């Protein structure tokens, strides 16, 4: 009977040791999975932030291009208006400058 009790105690100790080893292995697996999940979450967050930044930059560039083209069109219209209002003066001034140059330096 004592041998039987010793065998039962040894079996219980072995079972407990296996349970502790299994629990340790399970903890290690869960820890590795949690670390991998955390790394993936950080990676995805970085990618999402980079994507969002890229999209906001593209939106700002598009808005700037739209504003720039509007400003250029307005300024071009203003310049054409200025030219049309002053083109008769320009022709007179150009003729006067040409006469002055020709009289001072000749036709060559």
N, C-alpha and C. Protein backbone atom coordinates (compact mmCIF):
# COMPACT_ATOMS: atom_id res chain seq x y z
N UNK A 1 0.80 -1.18 0.00
CA UNK A 1 0.00 0.00 0.00
C UNK A 1 0.86 1.26 0.00
N UNK A 2 1.98 1.27 0.71
CA UNK A 2 2.86 2.42 0.75
C UNK A 2 3.46 2.67 -0.62
N UNK A 3 3.78 1.56 -1.31
CA UNK A 3 4.32 1.71 -2.66
C UNK A 3 3.28 2.32 -3.59
N UNK A 4 2.07 1.89 -3.41
CA UNK A 4 0.98 2.41 -4.23
C UNK A 4 0.79 3.90 -3.97
N UNK A 5 0.88 4.29 -2.72
CA UNK A 5 0.75 5.69 -2.36
C UNK A 5 1.91 6.51 -2.92
N UNK A 6 3.14 5.97 -2.88
CA UNK A 6 4.32 6.64 -3.42
C UNK A 6 4.16 6.80 -4.93
N UNK A 7 3.68 5.75 -5.60
CA UNK A 7 3.47 5.83 -7.05
C UNK A 7 2.42 6.88 -7.40
N UNK A 8 1.38 6.96 -6.59
CA UNK A 8 0.33 7.97 -6.84
C UNK A 8 0.88 9.38 -6.64
N UNK A 9 1.70 9.54 -5.62
CA UNK A 9 2.30 10.85 -5.37
C UNK A 9 3.23 11.24 -6.51
N UNK A 10 4.05 10.29 -6.97
CA UNK A 10 4.95 10.56 -8.09
C UNK A 10 4.16 10.90 -9.35
N UNK A 11 3.08 10.15 -9.58
CA UNK A 11 2.24 10.41 -10.77
C UNK A 11 1.62 11.81 -10.67
N UNK A 12 1.16 12.16 -9.46
CA UNK A 12 0.56 13.48 -9.27
C UNK A 12 1.60 14.58 -9.46
N UNK A 13 2.82 14.33 -8.97
CA UNK A 13 3.90 15.31 -9.15
C UNK A 13 4.24 15.47 -10.64
N UNK A 14 4.31 14.37 -11.36
CA UNK A 14 4.61 14.42 -12.80
C UNK A 14 3.50 15.16 -13.55
N UNK A 15 2.27 14.85 -13.15
CA UNK A 15 1.13 15.52 -13.78
C UNK A 15 1.18 17.02 -13.51
N UNK A 16 1.50 17.39 -12.28
CA UNK A 16 1.59 18.80 -11.91
C UNK A 16 2.74 19.47 -12.67
N UNK A 17 3.86 18.79 -12.82
CA UNK A 17 5.01 19.34 -13.54
C UNK A 17 4.64 19.54 -15.02
N UNK A 18 3.93 18.55 -15.60
CA UNK A 18 3.49 18.71 -17.00
C UNK A 18 2.51 19.87 -17.13
N UNK A 19 1.62 20.00 -16.17
CA UNK A 19 0.65 21.11 -16.19
C UNK A 19 1.37 22.45 -16.13
N UNK A 20 2.40 22.54 -15.27
CA UNK A 20 3.17 23.77 -15.16
C UNK A 20 3.90 24.06 -16.47
N UNK A 21 4.50 23.01 -17.07
CA UNK A 21 5.18 23.19 -18.36
C UNK A 21 4.20 23.62 -19.45
N UNK A 22 3.04 22.94 -19.47
CA UNK A 22 2.02 23.30 -20.47
C UNK A 22 1.54 24.74 -20.28
N UNK A 23 1.35 25.12 -19.03
CA UNK A 23 0.91 26.49 -18.74
C UNK A 23 1.97 27.49 -19.17
N UNK A 24 3.24 27.16 -18.90
CA UNK A 24 4.34 28.05 -19.32
C UNK A 24 4.40 28.18 -20.83
N UNK A 25 4.25 27.06 -21.52
CA UNK A 25 4.26 27.09 -22.99
C UNK A 25 3.07 27.89 -23.52
N UNK A 26 1.91 27.70 -22.88
CA UNK A 26 0.72 28.44 -23.30
C UNK A 26 0.91 29.94 -23.08
N UNK A 27 1.50 30.29 -21.94
CA UNK A 27 1.77 31.71 -21.66
C UNK A 27 2.73 32.27 -22.71
N UNK A 28 3.77 31.53 -23.04
CA UNK A 28 4.74 31.99 -24.04
C UNK A 28 4.07 32.18 -25.40
N UNK A 29 3.19 31.23 -25.79
CA UNK A 29 2.47 31.36 -27.06
C UNK A 29 1.56 32.58 -27.07
N UNK A 30 0.83 32.74 -25.98
CA UNK A 30 -0.09 33.89 -25.90
C UNK A 30 0.68 35.21 -25.90
N UNK A 31 1.81 35.24 -25.20
CA UNK A 31 2.63 36.45 -25.17
C UNK A 31 3.16 36.77 -26.57
N UNK A 32 3.65 35.74 -27.28
CA UNK A 32 4.16 35.95 -28.63
C UNK A 32 3.06 36.43 -29.56
N UNK A 33 1.87 35.86 -29.41
CA UNK A 33 0.74 36.30 -30.25
C UNK A 33 0.36 37.74 -29.92
N UNK A 34 0.33 38.07 -28.64
CA UNK A 34 -0.01 39.44 -28.24
C UNK A 34 1.02 40.43 -28.78
N UNK A 35 2.29 40.08 -28.71
CA UNK A 35 3.34 40.95 -29.24
C UNK A 35 3.20 41.12 -30.75
N UNK A 36 2.92 40.02 -31.45
CA UNK A 36 2.75 40.09 -32.90
C UNK A 36 1.53 40.94 -33.25
N UNK A 37 0.43 40.76 -32.49
CA UNK A 37 -0.76 41.56 -32.74
C UNK A 37 -0.49 43.04 -32.49
N UNK A 38 0.27 43.34 -31.44
CA UNK A 38 0.60 44.73 -31.14
C UNK A 38 1.46 45.34 -32.24
N UNK A 39 2.45 44.57 -32.72
CA UNK A 39 3.31 45.06 -33.81
C UNK A 39 2.50 45.31 -35.07
N UNK A 40 1.57 44.40 -35.37
CA UNK A 40 0.71 44.59 -36.54
C UNK A 40 -0.17 45.81 -36.39
N UNK A 41 -0.70 46.02 -35.19
CA UNK A 41 -1.55 47.19 -34.95
C UNK A 41 -0.76 48.48 -35.14
N UNK A 42 0.46 48.51 -34.62
CA UNK A 42 1.32 49.69 -34.78
C UNK A 42 1.64 49.91 -36.25
N UNK A 43 1.97 48.84 -36.95
CA UNK A 43 2.29 48.93 -38.38
C UNK A 43 1.09 49.46 -39.16
N UNK A 44 -0.08 48.92 -38.89
CA UNK A 44 -1.29 49.37 -39.59
C UNK A 44 -1.60 50.83 -39.27
N UNK A 45 -1.39 51.22 -38.01
CA UNK A 45 -1.64 52.61 -37.62
C UNK A 45 -0.68 53.55 -38.34
N UNK A 46 0.59 53.15 -38.45
CA UNK A 46 1.56 53.98 -39.17
C UNK A 46 1.19 54.10 -40.64
N UNK A 47 0.79 52.98 -41.24
CA UNK A 47 0.40 53.00 -42.65
C UNK A 47 -0.83 53.87 -42.86
N UNK A 48 -1.79 53.77 -41.95
CA UNK A 48 -2.99 54.59 -42.07
C UNK A 48 -2.65 56.07 -41.91
N UNK A 49 -1.76 56.38 -40.98
CA UNK A 49 -1.36 57.78 -40.78
C UNK A 49 -0.63 58.30 -42.01
N UNK A 50 0.25 57.49 -42.59
CA UNK A 50 0.98 57.91 -43.79
C UNK A 50 0.01 58.10 -44.95
N UNK A 51 -0.94 57.20 -45.08
CA UNK A 51 -1.94 57.31 -46.14
C UNK A 51 -2.78 58.58 -45.96
N UNK A 52 -3.20 58.83 -44.74
CA UNK A 52 -4.01 60.02 -44.46
C UNK A 52 -3.19 61.29 -44.74
N UNK A 53 -1.92 61.30 -44.36
CA UNK A 53 -1.07 62.46 -44.61
C UNK A 53 -0.92 62.68 -46.11
N UNK A 54 -0.67 61.59 -46.85
CA UNK A 54 -0.52 61.68 -48.30
C UNK A 54 -1.79 62.23 -48.94
N UNK A 55 -2.94 61.75 -48.48
CA UNK A 55 -4.21 62.23 -49.03
C UNK A 55 -4.44 63.70 -48.71
N UNK A 56 -4.09 64.11 -47.49
CA UNK A 56 -4.29 65.52 -47.13
C UNK A 56 -3.34 66.42 -47.93
N UNK A 57 -2.12 65.94 -48.18
CA UNK A 57 -1.18 66.72 -49.00
C UNK A 57 -1.70 66.84 -50.42
N UNK A 58 -2.22 65.74 -50.96
CA UNK A 58 -2.77 65.77 -52.31
C UNK A 58 -3.96 66.72 -52.40
N UNK A 59 -4.81 66.69 -51.38
CA UNK A 59 -5.97 67.60 -51.37
C UNK A 59 -5.51 69.05 -51.30
N UNK A 60 -4.50 69.32 -50.48
CA UNK A 60 -3.98 70.69 -50.38
C UNK A 60 -3.35 71.13 -51.70
N UNK A 61 -2.61 70.22 -52.35
CA UNK A 61 -2.01 70.55 -53.64
C UNK A 61 -3.07 70.84 -54.68
N UNK A 62 -4.12 70.03 -54.68
CA UNK A 62 -5.21 70.25 -55.65
C UNK A 62 -5.89 71.60 -55.40
N UNK A 63 -6.13 71.90 -54.14
CA UNK A 63 -6.75 73.18 -53.80
C UNK A 63 -5.84 74.34 -54.20
N UNK A 64 -4.53 74.19 -53.97
CA UNK A 64 -3.58 75.25 -54.34
C UNK A 64 -3.54 75.44 -55.86
N UNK A 65 -3.56 74.33 -56.60
CA UNK A 65 -3.56 74.43 -58.05
C UNK A 65 -4.82 75.13 -58.55
N UNK A 66 -5.95 74.81 -57.96
CA UNK A 66 -7.21 75.46 -58.34
C UNK A 66 -7.15 76.95 -58.08
N UNK A 67 -6.68 77.32 -56.88
CA UNK A 67 -6.57 78.74 -56.55
C UNK A 67 -5.58 79.44 -57.46
N UNK A 68 -4.45 78.77 -57.74
CA UNK A 68 -3.43 79.38 -58.60
C UNK A 68 -3.97 79.60 -60.00
N UNK A 69 -4.69 78.63 -60.54
CA UNK A 69 -5.23 78.80 -61.89
C UNK A 69 -6.27 79.91 -61.91
N UNK A 70 -7.05 80.05 -60.85
CA UNK A 70 -8.03 81.15 -60.77
C UNK A 70 -7.30 82.49 -60.72
N UNK A 71 -6.27 82.58 -59.92
CA UNK A 71 -5.51 83.83 -59.80
C UNK A 71 -4.85 84.18 -61.13
N UNK A 72 -4.26 83.18 -61.79
CA UNK A 72 -3.61 83.43 -63.09
C UNK A 72 -4.63 83.92 -64.10
N UNK A 73 -5.79 83.29 -64.12
CA UNK A 73 -6.83 83.71 -65.07
C UNK A 73 -7.27 85.15 -64.78
N UNK A 74 -7.45 85.49 -63.51
CA UNK A 74 -7.84 86.85 -63.15
C UNK A 74 -6.77 87.86 -63.57
N UNK A 75 -5.51 87.53 -63.27
CA UNK A 75 -4.42 88.45 -63.60
C UNK A 75 -4.23 88.57 -65.11
N UNK A 76 -4.41 87.47 -65.83
CA UNK A 76 -4.29 87.52 -67.29
C UNK A 76 -5.39 88.42 -67.87
N UNK A 77 -6.59 88.28 -67.33
CA UNK A 77 -7.70 89.13 -67.78
C UNK A 77 -7.40 90.59 -67.48
N UNK A 78 -6.87 90.85 -66.29
CA UNK A 78 -6.54 92.24 -65.93
C UNK A 78 -5.44 92.78 -66.84
N UNK A 79 -4.45 91.96 -67.15
CA UNK A 79 -3.35 92.40 -68.02
C UNK A 79 -3.86 92.67 -69.43
N UNK A 80 -4.74 91.80 -69.92
CA UNK A 80 -5.30 92.03 -71.26
C UNK A 80 -6.14 93.30 -71.29
N UNK A 81 -6.89 93.54 -70.22
CA UNK A 81 -7.67 94.78 -70.13
C UNK A 81 -6.77 95.99 -70.10
N UNK A 82 -5.70 95.93 -69.32
CA UNK A 82 -4.75 97.03 -69.26
C UNK A 82 -4.13 97.28 -70.62
N UNK A 83 -3.76 96.20 -71.31
CA UNK A 83 -3.16 96.35 -72.64
C UNK A 83 -4.16 96.96 -73.62
N UNK A 84 -5.39 96.48 -73.59
CA UNK A 84 -6.38 97.02 -74.54
C UNK A 84 -6.68 98.49 -74.25
N UNK A 85 -6.63 98.90 -72.99
CA UNK A 85 -6.87 100.31 -72.65
C UNK A 85 -5.69 101.20 -73.05
N UNK A 86 -4.47 100.64 -73.08
CA UNK A 86 -3.30 101.46 -73.32
C UNK A 86 -2.56 101.15 -74.62
N UNK A 87 -3.13 100.31 -75.48
CA UNK A 87 -2.40 99.93 -76.68
C UNK A 87 -2.20 101.09 -77.64
N UNK A 88 -3.14 102.02 -77.69
CA UNK A 88 -2.92 103.18 -78.59
C UNK A 88 -1.77 104.05 -78.09
N UNK A 89 -1.60 104.16 -76.80
CA UNK A 89 -0.47 104.91 -76.25
C UNK A 89 0.85 104.18 -76.52
N UNK A 90 0.77 102.86 -76.48
CA UNK A 90 1.96 102.04 -76.69
C UNK A 90 2.48 102.23 -78.12
N UNK A 91 1.60 102.25 -79.08
CA UNK A 91 2.02 102.41 -80.48
C UNK A 91 2.68 103.76 -80.68
N UNK A 92 2.13 104.81 -80.08
CA UNK A 92 2.72 106.15 -80.20
C UNK A 92 4.10 106.20 -79.54
N UNK A 93 4.20 105.59 -78.36
CA UNK A 93 5.48 105.58 -77.66
C UNK A 93 6.51 104.77 -78.42
N UNK A 94 6.11 103.64 -78.99
CA UNK A 94 7.03 102.81 -79.77
C UNK A 94 7.51 103.56 -81.00
N UNK A 95 6.62 104.28 -81.67
CA UNK A 95 7.00 105.05 -82.86
C UNK A 95 7.98 106.16 -82.46
N UNK A 96 7.71 106.84 -81.36
CA UNK A 96 8.60 107.91 -80.89
C UNK A 96 9.98 107.36 -80.56
N UNK A 97 10.02 106.18 -79.85
CA UNK A 97 11.31 105.57 -79.49
C UNK A 97 12.06 105.17 -80.76
N UNK A 98 11.36 104.61 -81.72
CA UNK A 98 12.00 104.21 -82.97
C UNK A 98 12.57 105.42 -83.69
N UNK A 99 11.83 106.52 -83.74
CA UNK A 99 12.33 107.74 -84.38
C UNK A 99 13.56 108.26 -83.67
N UNK A 100 13.57 108.25 -82.36
CA UNK A 100 14.72 108.72 -81.59
C UNK A 100 15.95 107.86 -81.85
N UNK A 101 15.77 106.56 -81.87
CA UNK A 101 16.89 105.65 -82.10
C UNK A 101 17.43 105.85 -83.51
N UNK A 102 16.53 105.96 -84.47
CA UNK A 102 16.97 106.12 -85.87
C UNK A 102 17.68 107.47 -86.04
N UNK A 103 17.15 108.50 -85.41
CA UNK A 103 17.80 109.80 -85.56
C UNK A 103 19.16 109.83 -84.87
N UNK A 104 19.31 109.12 -83.79
CA UNK A 104 20.58 109.14 -83.07
C UNK A 104 21.59 108.18 -83.70
N UNK A 105 21.16 106.96 -84.09
CA UNK A 105 22.11 105.95 -84.55
C UNK A 105 21.98 105.64 -86.04
N UNK A 106 21.02 106.15 -86.69
CA UNK A 106 20.86 105.87 -88.13
C UNK A 106 20.02 104.63 -88.35
N UNK A 107 19.86 104.29 -89.59
CA UNK A 107 18.98 103.14 -89.92
C UNK A 107 19.72 101.81 -89.86
N UNK A 108 20.99 101.77 -89.76
CA UNK A 108 21.73 100.48 -89.77
C UNK A 108 21.70 99.85 -88.45
